[in-house]
C-alpha atoms as a PDB file:
ATOM      1  CA  LYS A   1       0.000   0.000   0.000  1.00  0.00           C
ATOM      2  CA  TYR A   2       1.046   3.584  -0.659  1.00  0.00           C
ATOM      3  CA  VAL A   3      -0.009   6.370   1.671  1.00  0.00           C
ATOM      4  CA  PHE A   4       2.040   9.483   0.884  1.00  0.00           C
ATOM      5  CA  SER A   5       0.243  12.474  -0.613  1.00  0.00           C
ATOM      6  CA  ALA A   6       2.111  12.625  -3.928  1.00  0.00           C
ATOM      7  CA  ILE A   7       0.146   9.601  -5.187  1.00  0.00           C
ATOM      8  CA  ALA A   8      -3.205  10.301  -6.862  1.00  0.00           C
ATOM      9  CA  SER A   9      -4.254   6.685  -7.464  1.00  0.00           C
ATOM     10  CA  VAL A  10      -2.919   3.152  -7.875  1.00  0.00           C
ATOM     11  CA  LYS A  11      -4.231   0.626 -10.403  1.00  0.00           C
ATOM     12  CA  GLU A  12      -3.198  -3.023 -10.137  1.00  0.00           C
ATOM     13  CA  TYR A  13      -3.230  -5.483 -13.030  1.00  0.00           C
ATOM     14  CA  HIS A  14      -2.795  -9.278 -12.814  1.00  0.00           C
ATOM     15  CA  ASN A  15      -2.030 -11.726 -15.605  1.00  0.00           C
ATOM     16  CA  PRO A  16      -2.909 -15.454 -15.599  1.00  0.00           C
ATOM     17  CA  GLY A  17       0.655 -16.330 -14.611  1.00  0.00           C
ATOM     18  CA  GLY A  18       0.355 -14.432 -11.345  1.00  0.00           C
ATOM     19  CA  LYS A  19       2.473 -11.424 -12.317  1.00  0.00           C
ATOM     20  CA  VAL A  20       1.315  -8.075 -10.955  1.00  0.00           C
ATOM     21  CA  VAL A  21       1.856  -4.636 -12.506  1.00  0.00           C
ATOM     22  CA  GLN A  22       0.992  -1.486 -10.575  1.00  0.00           C
ATOM     23  CA  VAL A  23       0.319   1.780 -12.405  1.00  0.00           C
ATOM     24  CA  ILE A  24       0.733   4.755 -10.061  1.00  0.00           C
ATOM     25  CA  ALA A  25      -0.676   8.166 -11.011  1.00  0.00           C
ATOM     26  CA  SER A  26       0.847  11.248  -9.390  1.00  0.00           C
ATOM     27  CA  HIS A  27      -0.438  14.705  -8.492  1.00  0.00           C
ATOM     28  CA  GLY A  28       2.859  16.258  -9.585  1.00  0.00           C
ATOM     29  CA  PRO A  29       6.033  14.989 -11.268  1.00  0.00           C
ATOM     30  CA  PRO A  30       6.307  11.167 -11.228  1.00  0.00           C
ATOM     31  CA  MET A  31       9.856  11.548  -9.857  1.00  0.00           C
ATOM     32  CA  ASP A  32       8.256  13.005  -6.714  1.00  0.00           C
ATOM     33  CA  ILE A  33       6.951   9.506  -5.996  1.00  0.00           C
ATOM     34  CA  ILE A  34      10.262   7.796  -6.773  1.00  0.00           C
ATOM     35  CA  LEU A  35      12.223  10.150  -4.487  1.00  0.00           C
ATOM     36  CA  GLY A  36       9.666   9.613  -1.738  1.00  0.00           C
ATOM     37  CA  PHE A  37       9.964   5.814  -1.631  1.00  0.00           C
ATOM     38  CA  HIS A  38      11.116   4.039   1.533  1.00  0.00           C
ATOM     39  CA  SER A  39      14.811   3.682   0.603  1.00  0.00           C
ATOM     40  CA  THR A  40      17.311   4.105  -2.209  1.00  0.00           C
ATOM     41  CA  CYS A  41      17.332   0.523  -3.543  1.00  0.00           C
ATOM     42  CA  VAL A  42      13.981   1.125  -5.286  1.00  0.00           C
ATOM     43  CA  MET A  43      14.950   4.531  -6.704  1.00  0.00           C
ATOM     44  CA  ASN A  44      15.293   3.243 -10.248  1.00  0.00           C
ATOM     45  CA  VAL A  45      13.474   4.582 -13.310  1.00  0.00           C
ATOM     46  CA  ILE A  46      12.716   3.333 -16.817  1.00  0.00           C
ATOM     47  CA  GLY A  47      11.943   6.085 -19.336  1.00  0.00           C
ATOM     48  CA  TYR A  48      11.235   5.977 -23.058  1.00  0.00           C
ATOM     49  CA  TYR A  49      14.907   6.022 -24.104  1.00  0.00           C
ATOM     50  CA  PHE A  50      16.888   5.114 -20.966  1.00  0.00           C
ATOM     51  CA  ALA A  51      16.712   3.283 -17.652  1.00  0.00           C
ATOM     52  CA  TYR A  52      18.371   4.856 -14.602  1.00  0.00           C
ATOM     53  CA  CYS A  53      19.722   3.493 -11.326  1.00  0.00           C
ATOM     54  CA  LEU A  54      20.088   6.527  -9.043  1.00  0.00           C
ATOM     55  CA  TYR A  55      22.262   4.898  -6.344  1.00  0.00           C
ATOM     56  CA  PRO A  56      24.186   2.077  -8.067  1.00  0.00           C
ATOM     57  CA  SER A  57      27.127   2.006  -5.630  1.00  0.00           C
ATOM     58  CA  ALA A  58      24.793   1.173  -2.770  1.00  0.00           C
ATOM     59  CA  THR A  59      22.133  -0.795  -4.650  1.00  0.00           C
ATOM     60  CA  ILE A  60      24.228  -2.922  -7.010  1.00  0.00           C
ATOM     61  CA  ARG A  61      27.758  -3.087  -5.611  1.00  0.00           C
ATOM     62  CA  ASP A  62      27.264  -3.067  -1.837  1.00  0.00           C
ATOM     63  CA  ARG A  63      23.678  -4.399  -1.642  1.00  0.00           C
ATOM     64  CA  VAL A  64      22.633  -1.761   0.883  1.00  0.00           C
ATOM     65  CA  SER A  65      19.693   0.620   0.859  1.00  0.00           C
ATOM     66  CA  VAL A  66      19.741   4.032   2.561  1.00  0.00           C
ATOM     67  CA  ALA A  67      16.458   4.646   4.370  1.00  0.00           C
ATOM     68  CA  HIS A  68      14.061   7.521   3.702  1.00  0.00           C
ATOM     69  CA  ILE A  69      12.648   9.165   6.840  1.00  0.00           C
ATOM     70  CA  GLY A  70       9.450   7.551   8.118  1.00  0.00           C
ATOM     71  CA  ASN A  71       8.446   4.770  10.501  1.00  0.00           C
ATOM     72  CA  ASP A  72       4.797   4.135   9.607  1.00  0.00           C
ATOM     73  CA  MET A  73       3.731   0.520   9.240  1.00  0.00           C
ATOM     74  CA  ASN A  74       3.728   0.528   5.422  1.00  0.00           C
ATOM     75  CA  THR A  75       7.255   1.951   5.291  1.00  0.00           C
ATOM     76  CA  VAL A  76       8.571  -0.535   7.853  1.00  0.00           C
ATOM     77  CA  CYS A  77       6.965  -3.459   5.999  1.00  0.00           C
ATOM     78  CA  ALA A  78       8.430  -2.278   2.688  1.00  0.00           C
ATOM     79  CA  ARG A  79      11.933  -2.062   4.162  1.00  0.00           C
ATOM     80  CA  ASP A  80      11.536  -5.504   5.739  1.00  0.00           C
ATOM     81  CA  LYS A  81      10.537  -6.922   2.350  1.00  0.00           C
ATOM     82  CA  TRP A  82      13.701  -5.625   0.703  1.00  0.00           C
ATOM     83  CA  GLU A  83      15.862  -6.776   3.606  1.00  0.00           C
ATOM     84  CA  HIS A  84      14.480 -10.275   3.067  1.00  0.00           C
ATOM     85  CA  ARG A  85      15.456  -9.918  -0.596  1.00  0.00           C
ATOM     86  CA  GLY A  86      19.068  -9.326   0.395  1.00  0.00           C
ATOM     87  CA  TRP A  87      19.531  -5.577   0.931  1.00  0.00           C
ATOM     88  CA  ARG A  88      20.843  -4.211   4.226  1.00  0.00           C
ATOM     89  CA  MET A  89      18.971  -1.118   5.423  1.00  0.00           C
ATOM     90  CA  ILE A  90      21.109   1.697   6.819  1.00  0.00           C
ATOM     91  CA  LYS A  91      20.380   5.128   8.259  1.00  0.00           C
ATOM     92  CA  GLU A  92      22.505   8.209   8.884  1.00  0.00           C
ATOM     93  CA  SER A  93      24.942   7.098  11.588  1.00  0.00           C
ATOM     94  CA  THR A  94      25.899   3.901   9.744  1.00  0.00           C
ATOM     95  CA  SER A  95      25.770   5.410   6.265  1.00  0.00           C
ATOM     96  CA  SER A  96      28.588   6.899   4.244  1.00  0.00           C
ATOM     97  CA  THR A  97      28.719   9.823   1.852  1.00  0.00           C
ATOM     98  CA  ARG A  98      29.971   7.440  -0.830  1.00  0.00           C
ATOM     99  CA  LEU A  99      26.671   5.558  -0.651  1.00  0.00           C
ATOM    100  CA  ASP A 100      24.054   8.259  -0.164  1.00  0.00           C
ATOM    101  CA  LEU A 101      25.923  11.259  -1.670  1.00  0.00           C
ATOM    102  CA  ARG A 102      24.218  13.509   0.862  1.00  0.00           C
ATOM    103  CA  THR A 103      26.311  16.595   0.073  1.00  0.00           C
ATOM    104  CA  VAL A 104      25.897  16.384  -3.700  1.00  0.00           C
ATOM    105  CA  ASN A 105      23.373  18.139  -5.919  1.00  0.00           C
ATOM    106  CA  ARG A 106      22.200  15.197  -7.992  1.00  0.00           C
ATOM    107  CA  TYR A 107      20.515  15.003 -11.373  1.00  0.00           C
ATOM    108  CA  MET A 108      19.288  12.150 -13.531  1.00  0.00           C
ATOM    109  CA  GLY A 109      22.100  10.663 -15.568  1.00  0.00           C
ATOM    110  CA  ASP A 110      24.953  12.247 -13.595  1.00  0.00           C
ATOM    111  CA  HIS A 111      28.192  10.297 -13.166  1.00  0.00           C
ATOM    112  CA  TYR A 112      27.007   8.913  -9.819  1.00  0.00           C
ATOM    113  CA  SER A 113      24.123   7.097 -11.491  1.00  0.00           C
ATOM    114  CA  TRP A 114      23.850   4.450 -14.187  1.00  0.00           C
ATOM    115  CA  ARG A 115      22.064   5.373 -17.411  1.00  0.00           C
ATOM    116  CA  ILE A 116      21.286   2.388 -19.628  1.00  0.00           C
ATOM    117  CA  PRO A 117      19.792   2.623 -23.156  1.00  0.00           C
ATOM    118  CA  CYS A 118      16.529   0.761 -23.620  1.00  0.00           C
ATOM    119  CA  GLU A 119      17.272  -0.556 -27.097  1.00  0.00           C
ATOM    120  CA  GLY A 120      19.998  -2.448 -28.933  1.00  0.00           C
ATOM    121  CA  GLU A 121      22.947  -4.503 -27.705  1.00  0.00           C
ATOM    122  CA  LEU A 122      24.508  -3.031 -24.550  1.00  0.00           C
ATOM    123  CA  THR A 123      28.167  -2.524 -23.668  1.00  0.00           C
ATOM    124  CA  LEU A 124      29.819  -1.079 -20.566  1.00  0.00           C
ATOM    125  CA  ASP A 125      30.288   2.197 -22.469  1.00  0.00           C
ATOM    126  CA  ASP A 126      26.507   2.488 -22.799  1.00  0.00           C
ATOM    127  CA  ILE A 127      26.242   2.567 -19.007  1.00  0.00           C
ATOM    128  CA  LEU A 128      29.152   4.860 -18.207  1.00  0.00           C
ATOM    129  CA  LEU A 129      29.342   7.358 -21.063  1.00  0.00           C
ATOM    130  CA  GLU A 130      27.149   9.959 -22.710  1.00  0.00           C
ATOM    131  CA  SER A 131      26.358   9.188 -26.334  1.00  0.00           C
ATOM    132  CA  PRO A 132      25.767  12.200 -28.613  1.00  0.00           C
ATOM    133  CA  SER A 133      23.988   9.965 -31.123  1.00  0.00           C
ATOM    134  CA  ARG A 134      21.167   9.249 -28.681  1.00  0.00           C
ATOM    135  CA  PRO A 135      18.112  11.515 -28.298  1.00  0.00           C
ATOM    136  CA  THR A 136      17.744  13.929 -25.411  1.00  0.00           C
ATOM    137  CA  ASP A 137      15.922  12.414 -22.449  1.00  0.00           C
ATOM    138  CA  VAL A 138      13.631  14.809 -20.566  1.00  0.00           C
ATOM    139  CA  LEU A 139      14.147  12.757 -17.396  1.00  0.00           C
ATOM    140  CA  LYS A 140      17.574  14.397 -17.158  1.00  0.00           C
ATOM    141  CA  ALA A 141      15.847  17.646 -16.168  1.00  0.00           C
ATOM    142  CA  HIS A 142      15.149  16.249 -12.668  1.00  0.00           C
ATOM    143  CA  SER A 143      17.551  17.074  -9.806  1.00  0.00           C
ATOM    144  CA  TRP A 144      17.579  16.726  -6.001  1.00  0.00           C
ATOM    145  CA  GLN A 145      19.715  16.556  -2.854  1.00  0.00           C
ATOM    146  CA  LEU A 146      19.475  14.468   0.322  1.00  0.00           C
ATOM    147  CA  LEU A 147      19.082  16.022   3.764  1.00  0.00           C
ATOM    148  CA  TYR A 148      19.158  14.459   7.224  1.00  0.00           C
ATOM    149  CA  PRO A 149      16.931  16.777   9.329  1.00  0.00           C
ATOM    150  CA  HIS A 150      17.486  15.115  12.727  1.00  0.00           C
ATOM    151  CA  LEU A 151      20.514  14.330  14.861  1.00  0.00           C
ATOM    152  CA  PHE A 152      19.249  10.852  15.686  1.00  0.00           C
ATOM    153  CA  ASP A 153      18.928   7.949  13.245  1.00  0.00           C
ATOM    154  CA  ASP A 154      15.776   8.736  11.318  1.00  0.00           C
ATOM    155  CA  GLY A 155      16.664   8.631   7.636  1.00  0.00           C
ATOM    156  CA  PHE A 156      16.768  11.301   4.942  1.00  0.00           C
ATOM    157  CA  TYR A 157      14.512  13.650   3.016  1.00  0.00           C
ATOM    158  CA  ALA A 158      15.048  14.221  -0.695  1.00  0.00           C
ATOM    159  CA  ILE A 159      15.074  18.002  -1.171  1.00  0.00           C
ATOM    160  CA  TYR A 160      13.778  19.576  -4.381  1.00  0.00           C
ATOM    161  CA  ALA A 161      11.125  21.931  -5.747  1.00  0.00           C
ATOM    162  CA  TRP A 162       8.340  21.335  -8.216  1.00  0.00           C
ATOM    163  CA  PHE A 163       9.000  23.378 -11.331  1.00  0.00           C
ATOM    164  CA  LEU A 164       6.913  23.955 -14.436  1.00  0.00           C
ATOM    165  CA  LEU A 165       8.048  25.162 -17.843  1.00  0.00           C
ATOM    166  CA  PRO A 166       5.375  25.368 -20.584  1.00  0.00           C
ATOM    167  CA  PRO A 167       7.458  23.386 -23.130  1.00  0.00           C
ATOM    168  CA  PHE A 168       7.591  20.402 -20.726  1.00  0.00           C
ATOM    169  CA  HIS A 169       3.793  20.284 -20.125  1.00  0.00           C
ATOM    170  CA  GLN A 170       4.499  18.758 -16.717  1.00  0.00           C
ATOM    171  CA  TYR A 171       6.275  19.484 -13.460  1.00  0.00           C
ATOM    172  CA  ILE A 172       9.878  18.469 -12.903  1.00  0.00           C
ATOM    173  CA  CYS A 173      11.872  18.182  -9.663  1.00  0.00           C
ATOM    174  CA  ILE A 174      14.745  20.654  -9.253  1.00  0.00           C
ATOM    175  CA  SER A 175      17.353  20.875  -6.488  1.00  0.00           C
ATOM    176  CA  ASN A 176      17.811  23.900  -4.222  1.00  0.00           C
ATOM    177  CA  LYS A 177      20.951  24.932  -6.104  1.00  0.00           C
ATOM    178  CA  ILE A 178      19.123  25.132  -9.417  1.00  0.00           C
ATOM    179  CA  MET A 179      16.072  26.685  -7.773  1.00  0.00           C
ATOM    180  CA  ARG A 180      18.150  29.562  -6.368  1.00  0.00           C
ATOM    181  CA  TRP A 181      19.635  30.248  -9.792  1.00  0.00           C
ATOM    182  CA  LEU A 182      16.225  30.186 -11.474  1.00  0.00           C
ATOM    183  CA  LYS A 183      14.543  32.446  -8.915  1.00  0.00           C
ATOM    184  CA  ALA A 184      17.016  35.192  -9.778  1.00  0.00           C
ATOM    185  CA  VAL A 185      15.701  35.355 -13.356  1.00  0.00           C
ATOM    186  CA  MET A 186      12.031  34.395 -12.902  1.00  0.00           C
ATOM    187  CA  LEU A 187       9.220  36.928 -13.016  1.00  0.00           C
ATOM    188  CA  THR A 188       6.859  35.092 -10.638  1.00  0.00           C
ATOM    189  CA  TRP A 189       6.963  32.139  -8.319  1.00  0.00           C
ATOM    190  CA  SER A 190       4.775  30.823  -5.499  1.00  0.00           C
ATOM    191  CA  ALA A 191       5.255  28.516  -2.512  1.00  0.00           C
ATOM    192  CA  ALA A 192       2.890  25.607  -1.985  1.00  0.00           C
ATOM    193  CA  PHE A 193       2.566  22.005  -0.793  1.00  0.00           C
ATOM    194  CA  PRO A 194       3.599  22.291   2.885  1.00  0.00           C
ATOM    195  CA  LEU A 195       5.247  19.215   4.387  1.00  0.00           C
ATOM    196  CA  PRO A 196       5.861  18.399   8.086  1.00  0.00           C
ATOM    197  CA  VAL A 197       9.485  19.539   7.982  1.00  0.00           C
ATOM    198  CA  LEU A 198      10.086  21.039   4.557  1.00  0.00           C
ATOM    199  CA  LYS A 199       8.250  23.096   1.972  1.00  0.00           C
ATOM    200  CA  ARG A 200       8.308  22.243  -1.692  1.00  0.00           C
ATOM    201  CA  LEU A 201       7.924  25.074  -4.135  1.00  0.00           C
ATOM    202  CA  THR A 202       5.652  25.178  -7.125  1.00  0.00           C
ATOM    203  CA  MET A 203       7.093  27.623  -9.603  1.00  0.00           C
ATOM    204  CA  ILE A 204       5.274  29.097 -12.560  1.00  0.00           C
ATOM    205  CA  TRP A 205       7.474  30.310 -15.360  1.00  0.00           C
ATOM    206  CA  SER A 206       6.177  33.561 -16.871  1.00  0.00           C
ATOM    207  CA  GLY A 207       9.018  34.236 -19.277  1.00  0.00           C
ATOM    208  CA  LEU A 208      12.467  35.760 -19.008  1.00  0.00           C
ATOM    209  CA  GLN A 209      13.475  39.410 -19.335  1.00  0.00           C
END
């Protein structure tokens, strides 16, 4: 079950073989849901052109998952499920900056993540390098940063704003660093969507001078 407010609805589909596919609709950018999941091992995305693993050092190499803040029953059960699948859950005091990259402004497809083409025969270069022959992926517009708001072991928040540009026709997530740069050249912006600890910003682009 999913309980956080970014989710508008969840549809579940079953095939005769017992496989289940869930389609999750969001109120804002779909990445808002991904960055709000219980821990980093499930922060992986498949787009039209590329698939992304946002925390490959932790998820693939070390088989650990850095926990998102939250101790409700659904979150605890989800973490337990992935621990049973072989991932070790860690929080701030036992984490390392190499695994959670907490001081880094991240964006989709940066050199900390894996970006894998969704077509053709794959090589290691496809994962590690940019390819100018491939089309631009709008998922790369998303950015964020992790924050640990408490001194005790309680997990992280992913920090970003909701941002809307008319050419995108949808909101994207942008990190504080990019948000500060954009606010300096924007004509209007408004704050919305209060959260218990943080406030996300919904920005409306009205053109540049």
